[in-house]
PDB file of all heavy atoms in Angstrom:
ATOM      1  N   THR A   1      73.785 -57.816  37.117  1.00  0.00           N
ATOM      2  CA  THR A   1      74.550 -57.954  35.871  1.00  0.00           C
ATOM      3  C   THR A   1      73.923 -57.120  34.762  1.00  0.00           C
ATOM      4  O   THR A   1      74.622 -56.393  34.040  1.00  0.00           O
ATOM      5  CB  THR A   1      74.618 -59.418  35.446  1.00  0.00           C
ATOM      6  OG1 THR A   1      75.223 -60.191  36.491  1.00  0.00           O
ATOM      7  CG2 THR A   1      75.417 -59.573  34.164  1.00  0.00           C
ATOM      8  N   ALA A   2      72.594 -57.227  34.626  1.00  0.00           N
ATOM      9  CA  ALA A   2      71.905 -56.456  33.589  1.00  0.00           C
ATOM     10  C   ALA A   2      72.069 -54.962  33.831  1.00  0.00           C
ATOM     11  O   ALA A   2      72.318 -54.188  32.891  1.00  0.00           O
ATOM     12  CB  ALA A   2      70.427 -56.829  33.548  1.00  0.00           C
ATOM     13  N   GLN A   3      71.963 -54.533  35.078  1.00  0.00           N
ATOM     14  CA  GLN A   3      72.152 -53.114  35.382  1.00  0.00           C
ATOM     15  C   GLN A   3      73.570 -52.659  35.064  1.00  0.00           C
ATOM     16  O   GLN A   3      73.783 -51.569  34.529  1.00  0.00           O
ATOM     17  CB  GLN A   3      71.852 -52.851  36.857  1.00  0.00           C
ATOM     18  CG  GLN A   3      70.372 -52.777  37.190  1.00  0.00           C
ATOM     19  CD  GLN A   3      70.135 -52.265  38.600  1.00  0.00           C
ATOM     20  OE1 GLN A   3      70.913 -52.539  39.504  1.00  0.00           O
ATOM     21  NE2 GLN A   3      69.048 -51.532  38.792  1.00  0.00           N
ATOM     22  N   ALA A   4      74.545 -53.507  35.385  1.00  0.00           N
ATOM     23  CA  ALA A   4      75.939 -53.159  35.107  1.00  0.00           C
ATOM     24  C   ALA A   4      76.173 -52.994  33.611  1.00  0.00           C
ATOM     25  O   ALA A   4      76.905 -52.094  33.175  1.00  0.00           O
ATOM     26  CB  ALA A   4      76.869 -54.221  35.676  1.00  0.00           C
ATOM     27  N   VAL A   5      75.545 -53.845  32.805  1.00  0.00           N
ATOM     28  CA  VAL A   5      75.702 -53.739  31.357  1.00  0.00           C
ATOM     29  C   VAL A   5      75.042 -52.454  30.853  1.00  0.00           C
ATOM     30  O   VAL A   5      75.571 -51.776  29.960  1.00  0.00           O
ATOM     31  CB  VAL A   5      75.110 -54.977  30.647  1.00  0.00           C
ATOM     32  CG1 VAL A   5      75.174 -54.811  29.134  1.00  0.00           C
ATOM     33  CG2 VAL A   5      75.856 -56.233  31.063  1.00  0.00           C
ATOM     34  N   VAL A   6      73.892 -52.088  31.420  1.00  0.00           N
ATOM     35  CA  VAL A   6      73.210 -50.859  31.006  1.00  0.00           C
ATOM     36  C   VAL A   6      74.089 -49.642  31.268  1.00  0.00           C
ATOM     37  O   VAL A   6      74.274 -48.791  30.388  1.00  0.00           O
ATOM     38  CB  VAL A   6      71.854 -50.704  31.737  1.00  0.00           C
ATOM     39  CG1 VAL A   6      71.233 -49.346  31.404  1.00  0.00           C
ATOM     40  CG2 VAL A   6      70.897 -51.810  31.338  1.00  0.00           C
ATOM     41  N   VAL A   7      74.671 -49.539  32.477  1.00  0.00           N
ATOM     42  CA  VAL A   7      75.500 -48.368  32.778  1.00  0.00           C
ATOM     43  C   VAL A   7      76.772 -48.358  31.930  1.00  0.00           C
ATOM     44  O   VAL A   7      77.244 -47.292  31.516  1.00  0.00           O
ATOM     45  CB  VAL A   7      75.865 -48.290  34.278  1.00  0.00           C
ATOM     46  CG1 VAL A   7      74.623 -48.097  35.118  1.00  0.00           C
ATOM     47  CG2 VAL A   7      76.626 -49.517  34.741  1.00  0.00           C
ATOM     48  N   THR A   8      77.302 -49.552  31.621  1.00  0.00           N
ATOM     49  CA  THR A   8      78.498 -49.628  30.779  1.00  0.00           C
ATOM     50  C   THR A   8      78.190 -49.155  29.366  1.00  0.00           C
ATOM     51  O   THR A   8      78.955 -48.373  28.776  1.00  0.00           O
ATOM     52  CB  THR A   8      79.038 -51.063  30.739  1.00  0.00           C
ATOM     53  OG1 THR A   8      79.324 -51.502  32.074  1.00  0.00           O
ATOM     54  CG2 THR A   8      80.300 -51.146  29.904  1.00  0.00           C
ATOM     55  N   ILE A   9      77.063 -49.616  28.821  1.00  0.00           N
ATOM     56  CA  ILE A   9      76.645 -49.177  27.483  1.00  0.00           C
ATOM     57  C   ILE A   9      76.445 -47.667  27.467  1.00  0.00           C
ATOM     58  O   ILE A   9      76.878 -46.962  26.536  1.00  0.00           O
ATOM     59  CB  ILE A   9      75.347 -49.898  27.070  1.00  0.00           C
ATOM     60  CG1 ILE A   9      75.602 -51.400  26.833  1.00  0.00           C
ATOM     61  CG2 ILE A   9      74.750 -49.257  25.817  1.00  0.00           C
ATOM     62  CD1 ILE A   9      76.488 -51.696  25.661  1.00  0.00           C
ATOM     63  N   GLY A  10      75.781 -47.134  28.497  1.00  0.00           N
ATOM     64  CA  GLY A  10      75.552 -45.699  28.544  1.00  0.00           C
ATOM     65  C   GLY A  10      76.845 -44.907  28.600  1.00  0.00           C
ATOM     66  O   GLY A  10      76.994 -43.902  27.895  1.00  0.00           O
ATOM     67  N   ALA A  11      77.797 -45.356  29.433  1.00  0.00           N
ATOM     68  CA  ALA A  11      79.066 -44.641  29.565  1.00  0.00           C
ATOM     69  C   ALA A  11      79.867 -44.670  28.266  1.00  0.00           C
ATOM     70  O   ALA A  11      80.420 -43.654  27.826  1.00  0.00           O
ATOM     71  CB  ALA A  11      79.879 -45.246  30.710  1.00  0.00           C
ATOM     72  N   ILE A  12      79.931 -45.846  27.634  1.00  0.00           N
ATOM     73  CA  ILE A  12      80.667 -45.964  26.368  1.00  0.00           C
ATOM     74  C   ILE A  12      80.029 -45.086  25.297  1.00  0.00           C
ATOM     75  O   ILE A  12      80.724 -44.364  24.566  1.00  0.00           O
ATOM     76  CB  ILE A  12      80.706 -47.436  25.909  1.00  0.00           C
ATOM     77  CG1 ILE A  12      81.570 -48.271  26.863  1.00  0.00           C
ATOM     78  CG2 ILE A  12      81.239 -47.541  24.479  1.00  0.00           C
ATOM     79  CD1 ILE A  12      81.523 -49.761  26.578  1.00  0.00           C
ATOM     80  N   THR A  13      78.708 -45.118  25.228  1.00  0.00           N
ATOM     81  CA  THR A  13      78.017 -44.383  24.165  1.00  0.00           C
ATOM     82  C   THR A  13      78.153 -42.885  24.334  1.00  0.00           C
ATOM     83  O   THR A  13      78.328 -42.158  23.340  1.00  0.00           O
ATOM     84  CB  THR A  13      76.530 -44.776  24.140  1.00  0.00           C
ATOM     85  OG1 THR A  13      76.405 -46.191  24.057  1.00  0.00           O
ATOM     86  CG2 THR A  13      75.839 -44.154  22.936  1.00  0.00           C
ATOM     87  N   LEU A  14      78.065 -42.402  25.572  1.00  0.00           N
ATOM     88  CA  LEU A  14      78.155 -40.947  25.744  1.00  0.00           C
ATOM     89  C   LEU A  14      79.544 -40.436  25.356  1.00  0.00           C
ATOM     90  O   LEU A  14      79.670 -39.333  24.801  1.00  0.00           O
ATOM     91  CB  LEU A  14      77.786 -40.537  27.167  1.00  0.00           C
ATOM     92  CG  LEU A  14      78.733 -40.773  28.338  1.00  0.00           C
ATOM     93  CD1 LEU A  14      79.702 -39.591  28.500  1.00  0.00           C
ATOM     94  CD2 LEU A  14      77.939 -40.940  29.633  1.00  0.00           C
ATOM     95  N   LEU A  15      80.589 -41.239  25.569  1.00  0.00           N
ATOM     96  CA  LEU A  15      81.926 -40.840  25.130  1.00  0.00           C
ATOM     97  C   LEU A  15      82.051 -40.906  23.610  1.00  0.00           C
ATOM     98  O   LEU A  15      82.630 -40.014  22.986  1.00  0.00           O
ATOM     99  CB  LEU A  15      82.982 -41.736  25.777  1.00  0.00           C
ATOM    100  CG  LEU A  15      83.495 -41.317  27.158  1.00  0.00           C
ATOM    101  CD1 LEU A  15      84.608 -42.256  27.599  1.00  0.00           C
ATOM    102  CD2 LEU A  15      83.978 -39.877  27.165  1.00  0.00           C
ATOM    103  N   ILE A  16      81.512 -41.962  23.008  1.00  0.00           N
ATOM    104  CA  ILE A  16      81.559 -42.096  21.549  1.00  0.00           C
ATOM    105  C   ILE A  16      80.895 -40.896  20.879  1.00  0.00           C
ATOM    106  O   ILE A  16      81.449 -40.281  19.957  1.00  0.00           O
ATOM    107  CB  ILE A  16      80.874 -43.407  21.110  1.00  0.00           C
ATOM    108  CG1 ILE A  16      81.731 -44.612  21.488  1.00  0.00           C
ATOM    109  CG2 ILE A  16      80.618 -43.406  19.598  1.00  0.00           C
ATOM    110  CD1 ILE A  16      81.040 -45.942  21.248  1.00  0.00           C
ATOM    111  N   GLY A  17      79.687 -40.554  21.347  1.00  0.00           N
ATOM    112  CA  GLY A  17      78.967 -39.429  20.753  1.00  0.00           C
ATOM    113  C   GLY A  17      79.727 -38.125  20.893  1.00  0.00           C
ATOM    114  O   GLY A  17      79.786 -37.325  19.954  1.00  0.00           O
ATOM    115  N   CYS A  18      80.319 -37.891  22.060  1.00  0.00           N
ATOM    116  CA  CYS A  18      81.066 -36.647  22.289  1.00  0.00           C
ATOM    117  C   CYS A  18      82.298 -36.556  21.393  1.00  0.00           C
ATOM    118  O   CYS A  18      82.563 -35.513  20.780  1.00  0.00           O
ATOM    119  CB  CYS A  18      81.484 -36.557  23.749  1.00  0.00           C
ATOM    120  SG  CYS A  18      80.141 -36.202  24.893  1.00  0.00           S
ATOM    121  N   ILE A  19      83.059 -37.638  21.329  1.00  0.00           N
ATOM    122  CA  ILE A  19      84.315 -37.620  20.568  1.00  0.00           C
ATOM    123  C   ILE A  19      84.035 -37.384  19.079  1.00  0.00           C
ATOM    124  O   ILE A  19      84.686 -36.544  18.438  1.00  0.00           O
ATOM    125  CB  ILE A  19      85.089 -38.928  20.781  1.00  0.00           C
ATOM    126  CG1 ILE A  19      85.581 -39.021  22.230  1.00  0.00           C
ATOM    127  CG2 ILE A  19      86.265 -39.032  19.820  1.00  0.00           C
ATOM    128  CD1 ILE A  19      86.157 -40.365  22.602  1.00  0.00           C
ATOM    129  N   ILE A  20      83.063 -38.110  18.516  1.00  0.00           N
ATOM    130  CA  ILE A  20      82.770 -37.952  17.094  1.00  0.00           C
ATOM    131  C   ILE A  20      82.164 -36.572  16.828  1.00  0.00           C
ATOM    132  O   ILE A  20      82.463 -35.929  15.821  1.00  0.00           O
ATOM    133  CB  ILE A  20      81.830 -39.073  16.606  1.00  0.00           C
ATOM    134  CG1 ILE A  20      82.498 -40.435  16.789  1.00  0.00           C
ATOM    135  CG2 ILE A  20      81.461 -38.858  15.139  1.00  0.00           C
ATOM    136  CD1 ILE A  20      81.627 -41.614  16.398  1.00  0.00           C
ATOM    137  N   GLY A  21      81.318 -36.088  17.751  1.00  0.00           N
ATOM    138  CA  GLY A  21      80.698 -34.779  17.569  1.00  0.00           C
ATOM    139  C   GLY A  21      81.708 -33.648  17.474  1.00  0.00           C
ATOM    140  O   GLY A  21      81.457 -32.638  16.822  1.00  0.00           O
ATOM    141  N   CYS A  22      82.865 -33.825  18.112  1.00  0.00           N
ATOM    142  CA  CYS A  22      83.898 -32.781  18.068  1.00  0.00           C
ATOM    143  C   CYS A  22      84.500 -32.613  16.678  1.00  0.00           C
ATOM    144  O   CYS A  22      85.101 -31.567  16.387  1.00  0.00           O
ATOM    145  CB  CYS A  22      85.017 -33.116  19.055  1.00  0.00           C
ATOM    146  SG  CYS A  22      84.537 -32.983  20.795  1.00  0.00           S
ATOM    147  N   ALA A  23      84.389 -33.620  15.818  1.00  0.00           N
ATOM    148  CA  ALA A  23      85.094 -33.599  14.535  1.00  0.00           C
ATOM    149  C   ALA A  23      84.173 -33.419  13.335  1.00  0.00           C
ATOM    150  O   ALA A  23      84.662 -33.332  12.200  1.00  0.00           O
ATOM    151  CB  ALA A  23      85.889 -34.903  14.366  1.00  0.00           C
ATOM    152  N   LYS A  24      82.869 -33.353  13.536  1.00  0.00           N
ATOM    153  CA  LYS A  24      81.945 -33.251  12.413  1.00  0.00           C
ATOM    154  C   LYS A  24      81.730 -31.799  11.998  1.00  0.00           C
ATOM    155  O   LYS A  24      81.767 -30.886  12.833  1.00  0.00           O
ATOM    156  CB  LYS A  24      80.600 -33.899  12.778  1.00  0.00           C
ATOM    157  CG  LYS A  24      80.671 -35.415  12.918  1.00  0.00           C
ATOM    158  CD  LYS A  24      81.041 -36.065  11.613  1.00  0.00           C
ATOM    159  CE  LYS A  24      81.126 -37.577  11.730  1.00  0.00           C
ATOM    160  NZ  LYS A  24      81.517 -38.208  10.458  1.00  0.00           N
ATOM    161  N   ASP A  25      81.490 -31.578  10.711  1.00  0.00           N
ATOM    162  CA  ASP A  25      81.280 -30.234  10.177  1.00  0.00           C
ATOM    163  C   ASP A  25      79.854 -30.009   9.689  1.00  0.00           C
ATOM    164  O   ASP A  25      79.486 -28.881   9.369  1.00  0.00           O
ATOM    165  CB  ASP A  25      82.252 -29.974   9.017  1.00  0.00           C
ATOM    166  CG  ASP A  25      83.699 -30.017   9.471  1.00  0.00           C
ATOM    167  OD1 ASP A  25      84.006 -29.412  10.516  1.00  0.00           O
ATOM    168  OD2 ASP A  25      84.521 -30.672   8.788  1.00  0.00           O
ATOM    169  N   ASP A  26      79.057 -31.077   9.614  1.00  0.00           N
ATOM    170  CA  ASP A  26      77.658 -30.967   9.218  1.00  0.00           C
ATOM    171  C   ASP A  26      76.840 -30.616  10.459  1.00  0.00           C
ATOM    172  O   ASP A  26      76.879 -31.329  11.459  1.00  0.00           O
ATOM    173  CB  ASP A  26      77.185 -32.294   8.609  1.00  0.00           C
ATOM    174  CG  ASP A  26      75.775 -32.217   8.061  1.00  0.00           C
ATOM    175  OD1 ASP A  26      74.842 -31.976   8.859  1.00  0.00           O
ATOM    176  OD2 ASP A  26      75.589 -32.417   6.848  1.00  0.00           O
ATOM    177  N   ILE A  27      76.081 -29.528  10.408  1.00  0.00           N
ATOM    178  CA  ILE A  27      75.376 -29.035  11.582  1.00  0.00           C
ATOM    179  C   ILE A  27      74.408 -30.069  12.145  1.00  0.00           C
ATOM    180  O   ILE A  27      74.284 -30.238  13.371  1.00  0.00           O
ATOM    181  CB  ILE A  27      74.643 -27.709  11.247  1.00  0.00           C
ATOM    182  CG1 ILE A  27      74.031 -27.100  12.516  1.00  0.00           C
ATOM    183  CG2 ILE A  27      73.592 -27.899  10.166  1.00  0.00           C
ATOM    184  CD1 ILE A  27      73.488 -25.695  12.309  1.00  0.00           C
ATOM    185  N   LYS A  28      73.733 -30.808  11.269  1.00  0.00           N
ATOM    186  CA  LYS A  28      72.780 -31.803  11.747  1.00  0.00           C
ATOM    187  C   LYS A  28      73.487 -33.043  12.300  1.00  0.00           C
ATOM    188  O   LYS A  28      73.014 -33.656  13.259  1.00  0.00           O
ATOM    189  CB  LYS A  28      71.825 -32.198  10.622  1.00  0.00           C
ATOM    190  CG  LYS A  28      70.853 -31.100  10.240  1.00  0.00           C
ATOM    191  CD  LYS A  28      70.010 -31.475   9.030  1.00  0.00           C
ATOM    192  CE  LYS A  28      69.094 -32.630   9.310  1.00  0.00           C
ATOM    193  NZ  LYS A  28      68.236 -32.960   8.154  1.00  0.00           N
ATOM    194  N   ARG A  29      74.629 -33.396  11.741  1.00  0.00           N
ATOM    195  CA  ARG A  29      75.342 -34.573  12.247  1.00  0.00           C
ATOM    196  C   ARG A  29      75.996 -34.300  13.598  1.00  0.00           C
ATOM    197  O   ARG A  29      76.107 -35.207  14.435  1.00  0.00           O
ATOM    198  CB  ARG A  29      76.364 -35.057  11.229  1.00  0.00           C
ATOM    199  CG  ARG A  29      75.728 -35.728  10.018  1.00  0.00           C
ATOM    200  CD  ARG A  29      76.739 -36.326   9.073  1.00  0.00           C
ATOM    201  NE  ARG A  29      76.071 -36.941   7.940  1.00  0.00           N
ATOM    202  CZ  ARG A  29      75.689 -38.214   7.889  1.00  0.00           C
ATOM    203  NH1 ARG A  29      75.935 -39.007   8.919  1.00  0.00           N
ATOM    204  NH2 ARG A  29      75.071 -38.700   6.839  1.00  0.00           N
ATOM    205  N   VAL A  30      76.433 -33.068  13.818  1.00  0.00           N
ATOM    206  CA  VAL A  30      76.939 -32.722  15.148  1.00  0.00           C
ATOM    207  C   VAL A  30      75.830 -32.912  16.180  1.00  0.00           C
ATOM    208  O   VAL A  30      76.032 -33.510  17.247  1.00  0.00           O
ATOM    209  CB  VAL A  30      77.465 -31.277  15.180  1.00  0.00           C
ATOM    210  CG1 VAL A  30      77.840 -30.890  16.608  1.00  0.00           C
ATOM    211  CG2 VAL A  30      78.667 -31.119  14.262  1.00  0.00           C
ATOM    212  N   LEU A  31      74.631 -32.435  15.853  1.00  0.00           N
ATOM    213  CA  LEU A  31      73.502 -32.583  16.769  1.00  0.00           C
ATOM    214  C   LEU A  31      73.088 -34.040  16.899  1.00  0.00           C
ATOM    215  O   LEU A  31      72.628 -34.474  17.962  1.00  0.00           O
ATOM    216  CB  LEU A  31      72.327 -31.732  16.284  1.00  0.00           C
ATOM    217  CG  LEU A  31      72.546 -30.213  16.324  1.00  0.00           C
ATOM    218  CD1 LEU A  31      71.361 -29.487  15.713  1.00  0.00           C
ATOM    219  CD2 LEU A  31      72.797 -29.734  17.748  1.00  0.00           C
ATOM    220  N   ALA A  32      73.238 -34.813  15.826  1.00  0.00           N
ATOM    221  CA  ALA A  32      72.889 -36.235  15.884  1.00  0.00           C
ATOM    222  C   ALA A  32      73.795 -36.967  16.863  1.00  0.00           C
ATOM    223  O   ALA A  32      73.330 -37.756  17.701  1.00  0.00           O
ATOM    224  CB  ALA A  32      72.989 -36.852  14.491  1.00  0.00           C
ATOM    225  N   TYR A  33      75.102 -36.728  16.771  1.00  0.00           N
ATOM    226  CA  TYR A  33      76.015 -37.384  17.711  1.00  0.00           C
ATOM    227  C   TYR A  33      75.839 -36.823  19.119  1.00  0.00           C
ATOM    228  O   TYR A  33      76.096 -37.531  20.103  1.00  0.00           O
ATOM    229  CB  TYR A  33      77.454 -37.243  17.234  1.00  0.00           C
ATOM    230  CG  TYR A  33      77.809 -38.285  16.209  1.00  0.00           C
ATOM    231  CD1 TYR A  33      77.941 -37.965  14.861  1.00  0.00           C
ATOM    232  CD2 TYR A  33      77.976 -39.615  16.589  1.00  0.00           C
ATOM    233  CE1 TYR A  33      78.236 -38.934  13.913  1.00  0.00           C
ATOM    234  CE2 TYR A  33      78.272 -40.594  15.654  1.00  0.00           C
ATOM    235  CZ  TYR A  33      78.405 -40.247  14.318  1.00  0.00           C
ATOM    236  OH  TYR A  33      78.679 -41.219  13.386  1.00  0.00           O
ATOM    237  N   SER A  34      75.382 -35.590  19.220  1.00  0.00           N
ATOM    238  CA  SER A  34      75.020 -35.054  20.525  1.00  0.00           C
ATOM    239  C   SER A  34      73.871 -35.858  21.119  1.00  0.00           C
ATOM    240  O   SER A  34      73.859 -36.160  22.323  1.00  0.00           O
ATOM    241  CB  SER A  34      74.620 -33.581  20.389  1.00  0.00           C
ATOM    242  OG  SER A  34      74.026 -33.111  21.573  1.00  0.00           O
ATOM    243  N   THR A  35      72.911 -36.228  20.293  1.00  0.00           N
ATOM    244  CA  THR A  35      71.806 -37.057  20.767  1.00  0.00           C
ATOM    245  C   THR A  35      72.301 -38.418  21.229  1.00  0.00           C
ATOM    246  O   THR A  35      71.879 -38.935  22.266  1.00  0.00           O
ATOM    247  CB  THR A  35      70.755 -37.230  19.652  1.00  0.00           C
ATOM    248  OG1 THR A  35      70.202 -35.953  19.325  1.00  0.00           O
ATOM    249  CG2 THR A  35      69.639 -38.151  20.096  1.00  0.00           C
ATOM    250  N   VAL A  36      73.190 -39.028  20.449  1.00  0.00           N
ATOM    251  CA  VAL A  36      73.779 -40.300  20.854  1.00  0.00           C
ATOM    252  C   VAL A  36      74.370 -40.172  22.252  1.00  0.00           C
ATOM    253  O   VAL A  36      74.171 -41.026  23.137  1.00  0.00           O
ATOM    254  CB  VAL A  36      74.862 -40.747  19.847  1.00  0.00           C
ATOM    255  CG1 VAL A  36      75.630 -41.950  20.376  1.00  0.00           C
ATOM    256  CG2 VAL A  36      74.229 -41.088  18.494  1.00  0.00           C
ATOM    257  N   SER A  37      75.101 -39.087  22.488  1.00  0.00           N
ATOM    258  CA  SER A  37      75.745 -38.863  23.770  1.00  0.00           C
ATOM    259  C   SER A  37      74.733 -38.620  24.885  1.00  0.00           C
ATOM    260  O   SER A  37      74.843 -39.196  25.976  1.00  0.00           O
ATOM    261  CB  SER A  37      76.699 -37.670  23.662  1.00  0.00           C
ATOM    262  OG  SER A  37      77.294 -37.386  24.900  1.00  0.00           O
ATOM    263  N   GLN A  38      73.741 -37.789  24.634  1.00  0.00           N
ATOM    264  CA  GLN A  38      72.763 -37.458  25.678  1.00  0.00           C
ATOM    265  C   GLN A  38      71.893 -38.659  26.036  1.00  0.00           C
ATOM    266  O   GLN A  38      71.540 -38.848  27.211  1.00  0.00           O
ATOM    267  CB  GLN A  38      71.886 -36.280  25.235  1.00  0.00           C
ATOM    268  CG  GLN A  38      72.640 -34.986  25.012  1.00  0.00           C
ATOM    269  CD  GLN A  38      73.437 -34.556  26.212  1.00  0.00           C
ATOM    270  OE1 GLN A  38      72.918 -34.471  27.327  1.00  0.00           O
ATOM    271  NE2 GLN A  38      74.721 -34.278  26.018  1.00  0.00           N
ATOM    272  N   ILE A  39      71.553 -39.478  25.063  1.00  0.00           N
ATOM    273  CA  ILE A  39      70.822 -40.710  25.387  1.00  0.00           C
ATOM    274  C   ILE A  39      71.726 -41.624  26.212  1.00  0.00           C
ATOM    275  O   ILE A  39      71.253 -42.374  27.081  1.00  0.00           O
ATOM    276  CB  ILE A  39      70.352 -41.425  24.111  1.00  0.00           C
ATOM    277  CG1 ILE A  39      69.437 -40.505  23.287  1.00  0.00           C
ATOM    278  CG2 ILE A  39      69.587 -42.703  24.452  1.00  0.00           C
ATOM    279  CD1 ILE A  39      68.144 -40.153  23.939  1.00  0.00           C
ATOM    280  N   GLY A  40      73.035 -41.570  25.966  1.00  0.00           N
ATOM    281  CA  GLY A  40      73.974 -42.320  26.791  1.00  0.00           C
ATOM    282  C   GLY A  40      73.880 -41.907  28.256  1.00  0.00           C
ATOM    283  O   GLY A  40      73.928 -42.752  29.158  1.00  0.00           O
ATOM    284  N   TYR A  41      73.748 -40.608  28.520  1.00  0.00           N
ATOM    285  CA  TYR A  41      73.543 -40.140  29.893  1.00  0.00           C
ATOM    286  C   TYR A  41      72.265 -40.739  30.486  1.00  0.00           C
ATOM    287  O   TYR A  41      72.232 -41.133  31.660  1.00  0.00           O
ATOM    288  CB  TYR A  41      73.452 -38.616  29.934  1.00  0.00           C
ATOM    289  CG  TYR A  41      74.782 -37.915  30.023  1.00  0.00           C
ATOM    290  CD1 TYR A  41      75.357 -37.316  28.909  1.00  0.00           C
ATOM    291  CD2 TYR A  41      75.464 -37.844  31.229  1.00  0.00           C
ATOM    292  CE1 TYR A  41      76.585 -36.660  28.981  1.00  0.00           C
ATOM    293  CE2 TYR A  41      76.696 -37.189  31.325  1.00  0.00           C
ATOM    294  CZ  TYR A  41      77.247 -36.611  30.197  1.00  0.00           C
ATOM    295  OH  TYR A  41      78.455 -35.966  30.279  1.00  0.00           O
TER     296      TYR A  41
END
């Protein structure tokens, strides 16, 4: 159960980071949401 929750959190987060990163115009915030996504991986 704990492992399933970890993979679910990772999958949700990597999509969230990618989607928001596509719409940001601040160079550092794009990279920040990229980090959110990569940590999700």
